[in-house]
């Protein structure tokens, strides 16, 4: 006769534990606010820990996605062997060293073999890797390798241009500095003509 009661109690404890786990980030943020010398109970900060947790979960939502999930059903078999370029894909990420934002644009290109990707999926792929604690160099390579592994193209090229607030707000405090990284695989690495075509297509047009 006691089993239903025990089951109900276990469910309550499980739900309480789940709610506690969901608020753990907010609880830590509340303590951080106190440690820097602020009052987490004052009017403007009272709901900040919960807002911070919600924002952080969104900005790191890429951990709950994978390449197969993003590119599922996005490949199409076609006879096309010219370069495909998706440029100026805006992204926002968090630097893993200081948990400060870096943001910019990604330019992604590939030379098909016998498959192409849905164009919007490339932007989703960039977002997935950006919404993790990152360094720009690794993110650049991850995007290129994901496309290479998914559709086995003749080559892949990725260029990322970004501004880092960890450099602009602290450290050297250079307001106009930016970083450019690239990953060239297959034909983009071994064929200068392919690489030069990609670079010409993504460079800003002269007015």
C-alpha atoms as a PDB file:
ATOM      1  CA  UNK A   1       0.000   0.000   0.000  1.00  0.00           C
ATOM      2  CA  UNK A   2       2.977   2.345   0.524  1.00  0.00           C
ATOM      3  CA  UNK A   3       4.352   2.046  -3.018  1.00  0.00           C
ATOM      4  CA  UNK A   4       2.060   4.678  -4.627  1.00  0.00           C
ATOM      5  CA  UNK A   5       3.015   7.143  -1.874  1.00  0.00           C
ATOM      6  CA  UNK A   6       6.703   6.368  -2.363  1.00  0.00           C
ATOM      7  CA  UNK A   7       6.355   6.868  -6.125  1.00  0.00           C
ATOM      8  CA  UNK A   8       4.588  10.182  -5.609  1.00  0.00           C
ATOM      9  CA  UNK A   9       7.307  11.323  -3.195  1.00  0.00           C
ATOM     10  CA  UNK A  10      10.042  10.290  -5.611  1.00  0.00           C
ATOM     11  CA  UNK A  11       8.352  12.239  -8.420  1.00  0.00           C
ATOM     12  CA  UNK A  12       8.110  15.348  -6.233  1.00  0.00           C
ATOM     13  CA  UNK A  13      11.809  15.045  -5.324  1.00  0.00           C
ATOM     14  CA  UNK A  14      12.712  14.547  -8.976  1.00  0.00           C
ATOM     15  CA  UNK A  15      10.756  17.630 -10.041  1.00  0.00           C
ATOM     16  CA  UNK A  16      12.265  19.683  -7.213  1.00  0.00           C
ATOM     17  CA  UNK A  17      15.745  18.521  -8.248  1.00  0.00           C
ATOM     18  CA  UNK A  18      15.030  19.432 -11.871  1.00  0.00           C
ATOM     19  CA  UNK A  19      13.818  22.907 -10.918  1.00  0.00           C
ATOM     20  CA  UNK A  20      16.875  23.378  -8.689  1.00  0.00           C
ATOM     21  CA  UNK A  21      19.183  22.342 -11.520  1.00  0.00           C
ATOM     22  CA  UNK A  22      17.457  24.741 -13.914  1.00  0.00           C
ATOM     23  CA  UNK A  23      18.050  27.624 -11.485  1.00  0.00           C
ATOM     24  CA  UNK A  24      21.648  26.712 -10.656  1.00  0.00           C
ATOM     25  CA  UNK A  25      23.157  29.180 -13.140  1.00  0.00           C
ATOM     26  CA  UNK A  26      20.938  31.963 -11.806  1.00  0.00           C
ATOM     27  CA  UNK A  27      21.956  31.131  -8.223  1.00  0.00           C
ATOM     28  CA  UNK A  28      25.655  31.312  -9.101  1.00  0.00           C
ATOM     29  CA  UNK A  29      25.128  34.566 -10.983  1.00  0.00           C
ATOM     30  CA  UNK A  30      23.419  36.033  -7.955  1.00  0.00           C
ATOM     31  CA  UNK A  31      26.497  35.202  -5.879  1.00  0.00           C
ATOM     32  CA  UNK A  32      28.817  36.673  -8.532  1.00  0.00           C
ATOM     33  CA  UNK A  33      26.873  39.947  -8.402  1.00  0.00           C
ATOM     34  CA  UNK A  34      27.365  39.979  -4.637  1.00  0.00           C
ATOM     35  CA  UNK A  35      31.094  39.169  -4.950  1.00  0.00           C
ATOM     36  CA  UNK A  36      31.792  42.122  -7.260  1.00  0.00           C
ATOM     37  CA  UNK A  37      30.330  44.446  -4.646  1.00  0.00           C
ATOM     38  CA  UNK A  38      26.751  44.889  -5.839  1.00  0.00           C
ATOM     39  CA  UNK A  39      23.444  44.186  -4.140  1.00  0.00           C
ATOM     40  CA  UNK A  40      21.562  41.462  -6.048  1.00  0.00           C
ATOM     41  CA  UNK A  41      18.366  42.434  -4.236  1.00  0.00           C
ATOM     42  CA  UNK A  42      18.207  46.004  -5.442  1.00  0.00           C
ATOM     43  CA  UNK A  43      15.501  46.972  -7.918  1.00  0.00           C
ATOM     44  CA  UNK A  44      17.469  46.833 -11.161  1.00  0.00           C
ATOM     45  CA  UNK A  45      19.315  43.581 -10.354  1.00  0.00           C
ATOM     46  CA  UNK A  46      16.605  41.514  -8.724  1.00  0.00           C
ATOM     47  CA  UNK A  47      15.751  39.572 -11.902  1.00  0.00           C
ATOM     48  CA  UNK A  48      19.176  39.807 -13.538  1.00  0.00           C
ATOM     49  CA  UNK A  49      20.367  36.296 -12.542  1.00  0.00           C
ATOM     50  CA  UNK A  50      17.354  34.684 -14.225  1.00  0.00           C
ATOM     51  CA  UNK A  51      17.763  36.904 -17.291  1.00  0.00           C
ATOM     52  CA  UNK A  52      21.454  36.013 -17.449  1.00  0.00           C
ATOM     53  CA  UNK A  53      20.696  32.310 -17.264  1.00  0.00           C
ATOM     54  CA  UNK A  54      18.120  32.549 -20.035  1.00  0.00           C
ATOM     55  CA  UNK A  55      20.529  34.493 -22.253  1.00  0.00           C
ATOM     56  CA  UNK A  56      23.442  32.140 -21.554  1.00  0.00           C
ATOM     57  CA  UNK A  57      21.372  29.050 -22.320  1.00  0.00           C
ATOM     58  CA  UNK A  58      20.412  30.601 -25.674  1.00  0.00           C
ATOM     59  CA  UNK A  59      23.982  31.659 -26.496  1.00  0.00           C
ATOM     60  CA  UNK A  60      25.265  28.139 -25.770  1.00  0.00           C
ATOM     61  CA  UNK A  61      22.359  26.247 -27.353  1.00  0.00           C
ATOM     62  CA  UNK A  62      24.773  24.850 -29.943  1.00  0.00           C
ATOM     63  CA  UNK A  63      25.785  22.199 -27.395  1.00  0.00           C
ATOM     64  CA  UNK A  64      22.333  20.662 -27.812  1.00  0.00           C
ATOM     65  CA  UNK A  65      22.624  20.404 -31.596  1.00  0.00           C
ATOM     66  CA  UNK A  66      24.833  18.366 -33.895  1.00  0.00           C
ATOM     67  CA  UNK A  67      25.771  18.366 -37.561  1.00  0.00           C
ATOM     68  CA  UNK A  68      23.400  15.524 -38.453  1.00  0.00           C
ATOM     69  CA  UNK A  69      20.525  17.372 -36.794  1.00  0.00           C
ATOM     70  CA  UNK A  70      21.283  20.623 -38.620  1.00  0.00           C
ATOM     71  CA  UNK A  71      21.946  19.070 -42.029  1.00  0.00           C
ATOM     72  CA  UNK A  72      19.328  16.318 -41.887  1.00  0.00           C
ATOM     73  CA  UNK A  73      17.534  16.194 -45.235  1.00  0.00           C
ATOM     74  CA  UNK A  74      19.569  19.141 -46.512  1.00  0.00           C
ATOM     75  CA  UNK A  75      21.677  17.357 -49.131  1.00  0.00           C
ATOM     76  CA  UNK A  76      20.597  17.084 -52.749  1.00  0.00           C
ATOM     77  CA  UNK A  77      22.148  15.010 -55.515  1.00  0.00           C
ATOM     78  CA  UNK A  78      22.730  17.214 -58.552  1.00  0.00           C
ATOM     79  CA  UNK A  79      25.085  17.523 -61.495  1.00  0.00           C
ATOM     80  CA  UNK A  80      26.804  20.775 -60.586  1.00  0.00           C
ATOM     81  CA  UNK A  81      30.514  21.350 -60.239  1.00  0.00           C
ATOM     82  CA  UNK A  82      30.832  25.134 -59.936  1.00  0.00           C
ATOM     83  CA  UNK A  83      31.616  26.938 -56.712  1.00  0.00           C
ATOM     84  CA  UNK A  84      28.819  27.574 -54.205  1.00  0.00           C
ATOM     85  CA  UNK A  85      29.390  30.574 -51.935  1.00  0.00           C
ATOM     86  CA  UNK A  86      27.338  31.812 -48.986  1.00  0.00           C
ATOM     87  CA  UNK A  87      28.882  35.059 -47.785  1.00  0.00           C
ATOM     88  CA  UNK A  88      28.307  37.549 -44.976  1.00  0.00           C
ATOM     89  CA  UNK A  89      26.677  35.083 -42.574  1.00  0.00           C
ATOM     90  CA  UNK A  90      26.419  37.106 -39.368  1.00  0.00           C
ATOM     91  CA  UNK A  91      27.134  35.343 -36.089  1.00  0.00           C
ATOM     92  CA  UNK A  92      27.606  36.041 -32.382  1.00  0.00           C
ATOM     93  CA  UNK A  93      29.666  33.809 -30.128  1.00  0.00           C
ATOM     94  CA  UNK A  94      31.332  33.755 -26.706  1.00  0.00           C
ATOM     95  CA  UNK A  95      35.089  33.591 -26.286  1.00  0.00           C
ATOM     96  CA  UNK A  96      35.950  30.597 -24.103  1.00  0.00           C
ATOM     97  CA  UNK A  97      38.805  32.465 -22.394  1.00  0.00           C
ATOM     98  CA  UNK A  98      36.821  35.350 -20.902  1.00  0.00           C
ATOM     99  CA  UNK A  99      33.162  34.520 -21.741  1.00  0.00           C
ATOM    100  CA  UNK A 100      32.978  37.801 -23.639  1.00  0.00           C
ATOM    101  CA  UNK A 101      31.320  38.142 -27.054  1.00  0.00           C
ATOM    102  CA  UNK A 102      33.020  38.027 -30.393  1.00  0.00           C
ATOM    103  CA  UNK A 103      31.000  38.615 -33.512  1.00  0.00           C
ATOM    104  CA  UNK A 104      31.321  39.111 -37.227  1.00  0.00           C
ATOM    105  CA  UNK A 105      30.706  37.413 -40.550  1.00  0.00           C
ATOM    106  CA  UNK A 106      31.469  34.016 -42.009  1.00  0.00           C
ATOM    107  CA  UNK A 107      32.029  33.335 -45.696  1.00  0.00           C
ATOM    108  CA  UNK A 108      31.549  29.694 -46.656  1.00  0.00           C
ATOM    109  CA  UNK A 109      32.209  28.080 -50.028  1.00  0.00           C
ATOM    110  CA  UNK A 110      32.489  24.607 -51.425  1.00  0.00           C
ATOM    111  CA  UNK A 111      33.094  22.956 -54.775  1.00  0.00           C
ATOM    112  CA  UNK A 112      30.466  20.192 -55.169  1.00  0.00           C
ATOM    113  CA  UNK A 113      31.265  16.673 -56.179  1.00  0.00           C
ATOM    114  CA  UNK A 114      27.795  15.224 -56.661  1.00  0.00           C
ATOM    115  CA  UNK A 115      25.846  16.754 -53.773  1.00  0.00           C
ATOM    116  CA  UNK A 116      24.871  20.263 -52.666  1.00  0.00           C
ATOM    117  CA  UNK A 117      23.550  21.624 -49.374  1.00  0.00           C
ATOM    118  CA  UNK A 118      20.421  23.674 -48.793  1.00  0.00           C
ATOM    119  CA  UNK A 119      21.742  27.234 -48.578  1.00  0.00           C
ATOM    120  CA  UNK A 120      19.951  28.111 -45.329  1.00  0.00           C
ATOM    121  CA  UNK A 121      21.552  25.075 -43.683  1.00  0.00           C
ATOM    122  CA  UNK A 122      24.981  26.643 -44.042  1.00  0.00           C
ATOM    123  CA  UNK A 123      23.860  29.630 -41.975  1.00  0.00           C
ATOM    124  CA  UNK A 124      22.363  27.240 -39.407  1.00  0.00           C
ATOM    125  CA  UNK A 125      25.653  25.346 -39.283  1.00  0.00           C
ATOM    126  CA  UNK A 126      27.547  28.573 -38.587  1.00  0.00           C
ATOM    127  CA  UNK A 127      25.069  29.418 -35.808  1.00  0.00           C
ATOM    128  CA  UNK A 128      25.375  25.971 -34.239  1.00  0.00           C
ATOM    129  CA  UNK A 129      29.141  26.207 -33.843  1.00  0.00           C
ATOM    130  CA  UNK A 130      28.944  29.895 -32.835  1.00  0.00           C
ATOM    131  CA  UNK A 131      26.518  29.135 -30.004  1.00  0.00           C
ATOM    132  CA  UNK A 132      29.158  27.383 -27.953  1.00  0.00           C
ATOM    133  CA  UNK A 133      32.114  28.625 -25.934  1.00  0.00           C
ATOM    134  CA  UNK A 134      34.554  29.100 -28.768  1.00  0.00           C
ATOM    135  CA  UNK A 135      37.785  30.361 -30.200  1.00  0.00           C
ATOM    136  CA  UNK A 136      37.555  31.734 -33.721  1.00  0.00           C
ATOM    137  CA  UNK A 137      40.244  29.446 -35.126  1.00  0.00           C
ATOM    138  CA  UNK A 138      38.498  26.262 -34.015  1.00  0.00           C
ATOM    139  CA  UNK A 139      35.077  27.448 -35.152  1.00  0.00           C
ATOM    140  CA  UNK A 140      36.449  28.130 -38.638  1.00  0.00           C
ATOM    141  CA  UNK A 141      37.831  24.608 -38.940  1.00  0.00           C
ATOM    142  CA  UNK A 142      34.706  22.995 -37.493  1.00  0.00           C
ATOM    143  CA  UNK A 143      32.474  24.538 -40.151  1.00  0.00           C
ATOM    144  CA  UNK A 144      34.769  23.446 -42.972  1.00  0.00           C
ATOM    145  CA  UNK A 145      35.196  19.889 -41.687  1.00  0.00           C
ATOM    146  CA  UNK A 146      31.458  19.450 -41.087  1.00  0.00           C
ATOM    147  CA  UNK A 147      30.695  20.270 -44.730  1.00  0.00           C
ATOM    148  CA  UNK A 148      33.544  18.083 -45.959  1.00  0.00           C
ATOM    149  CA  UNK A 149      32.323  15.090 -43.929  1.00  0.00           C
ATOM    150  CA  UNK A 150      28.661  15.557 -44.882  1.00  0.00           C
ATOM    151  CA  UNK A 151      28.820  15.885 -48.685  1.00  0.00           C
ATOM    152  CA  UNK A 152      32.441  14.985 -49.608  1.00  0.00           C
ATOM    153  CA  UNK A 153      32.918  17.967 -51.956  1.00  0.00           C
ATOM    154  CA  UNK A 154      35.997  18.610 -54.044  1.00  0.00           C
ATOM    155  CA  UNK A 155      36.948  21.297 -51.544  1.00  0.00           C
ATOM    156  CA  UNK A 156      35.713  23.652 -48.836  1.00  0.00           C
ATOM    157  CA  UNK A 157      36.750  27.182 -47.935  1.00  0.00           C
ATOM    158  CA  UNK A 158      35.725  29.139 -44.829  1.00  0.00           C
ATOM    159  CA  UNK A 159      36.779  32.658 -43.877  1.00  0.00           C
ATOM    160  CA  UNK A 160      35.660  34.329 -40.659  1.00  0.00           C
ATOM    161  CA  UNK A 161      36.121  38.009 -39.855  1.00  0.00           C
ATOM    162  CA  UNK A 162      35.346  38.965 -36.265  1.00  0.00           C
ATOM    163  CA  UNK A 163      35.730  41.598 -33.600  1.00  0.00           C
ATOM    164  CA  UNK A 164      36.485  40.422 -30.076  1.00  0.00           C
ATOM    165  CA  UNK A 165      35.253  42.335 -27.047  1.00  0.00           C
ATOM    166  CA  UNK A 166      37.914  40.648 -24.921  1.00  0.00           C
ATOM    167  CA  UNK A 167      40.402  42.696 -26.961  1.00  0.00           C
ATOM    168  CA  UNK A 168      38.278  45.855 -27.235  1.00  0.00           C
ATOM    169  CA  UNK A 169      37.007  46.092 -23.649  1.00  0.00           C
ATOM    170  CA  UNK A 170      40.042  44.774 -21.765  1.00  0.00           C
ATOM    171  CA  UNK A 171      43.701  43.892 -22.372  1.00  0.00           C
ATOM    172  CA  UNK A 172      45.093  46.035 -25.179  1.00  0.00           C
ATOM    173  CA  UNK A 173      41.749  47.877 -25.537  1.00  0.00           C
ATOM    174  CA  UNK A 174      42.054  48.328 -29.291  1.00  0.00           C
ATOM    175  CA  UNK A 175      38.641  49.431 -30.531  1.00  0.00           C
ATOM    176  CA  UNK A 176      39.071  48.815 -34.244  1.00  0.00           C
ATOM    177  CA  UNK A 177      41.073  45.606 -34.314  1.00  0.00           C
ATOM    178  CA  UNK A 178      39.585  42.539 -35.977  1.00  0.00           C
ATOM    179  CA  UNK A 179      40.685  38.962 -36.554  1.00  0.00           C
ATOM    180  CA  UNK A 180      40.497  36.987 -39.797  1.00  0.00           C
ATOM    181  CA  UNK A 181      40.813  33.202 -39.892  1.00  0.00           C
ATOM    182  CA  UNK A 182      40.520  30.744 -42.750  1.00  0.00           C
ATOM    183  CA  UNK A 183      40.225  27.021 -43.340  1.00  0.00           C
ATOM    184  CA  UNK A 184      40.936  25.685 -46.827  1.00  0.00           C
ATOM    185  CA  UNK A 185      40.347  22.018 -47.572  1.00  0.00           C
ATOM    186  CA  UNK A 186      40.793  19.994 -50.757  1.00  0.00           C
ATOM    187  CA  UNK A 187      40.760  22.068 -53.956  1.00  0.00           C
ATOM    188  CA  UNK A 188      40.705  25.317 -51.967  1.00  0.00           C
ATOM    189  CA  UNK A 189      44.054  24.407 -50.420  1.00  0.00           C
ATOM    190  CA  UNK A 190      45.754  22.768 -53.405  1.00  0.00           C
ATOM    191  CA  UNK A 191      44.405  24.784 -56.329  1.00  0.00           C
ATOM    192  CA  UNK A 192      45.420  28.446 -56.374  1.00  0.00           C
ATOM    193  CA  UNK A 193      42.843  29.319 -59.039  1.00  0.00           C
ATOM    194  CA  UNK A 194      39.992  27.946 -56.891  1.00  0.00           C
ATOM    195  CA  UNK A 195      41.294  29.721 -53.816  1.00  0.00           C
ATOM    196  CA  UNK A 196      41.728  33.027 -55.656  1.00  0.00           C
ATOM    197  CA  UNK A 197      38.189  32.800 -57.064  1.00  0.00           C
ATOM    198  CA  UNK A 198      36.808  32.339 -53.543  1.00  0.00           C
ATOM    199  CA  UNK A 199      38.806  35.266 -52.194  1.00  0.00           C
ATOM    200  CA  UNK A 200      37.676  37.493 -55.058  1.00  0.00           C
ATOM    201  CA  UNK A 201      34.013  36.611 -54.495  1.00  0.00           C
ATOM    202  CA  UNK A 202      34.020  37.401 -50.774  1.00  0.00           C
ATOM    203  CA  UNK A 203      36.130  40.546 -50.728  1.00  0.00           C
ATOM    204  CA  UNK A 204      34.167  43.804 -50.343  1.00  0.00           C
ATOM    205  CA  UNK A 205      33.207  45.464 -53.585  1.00  0.00           C
ATOM    206  CA  UNK A 206      34.853  48.768 -54.306  1.00  0.00           C
ATOM    207  CA  UNK A 207      32.369  51.639 -54.525  1.00  0.00           C
END
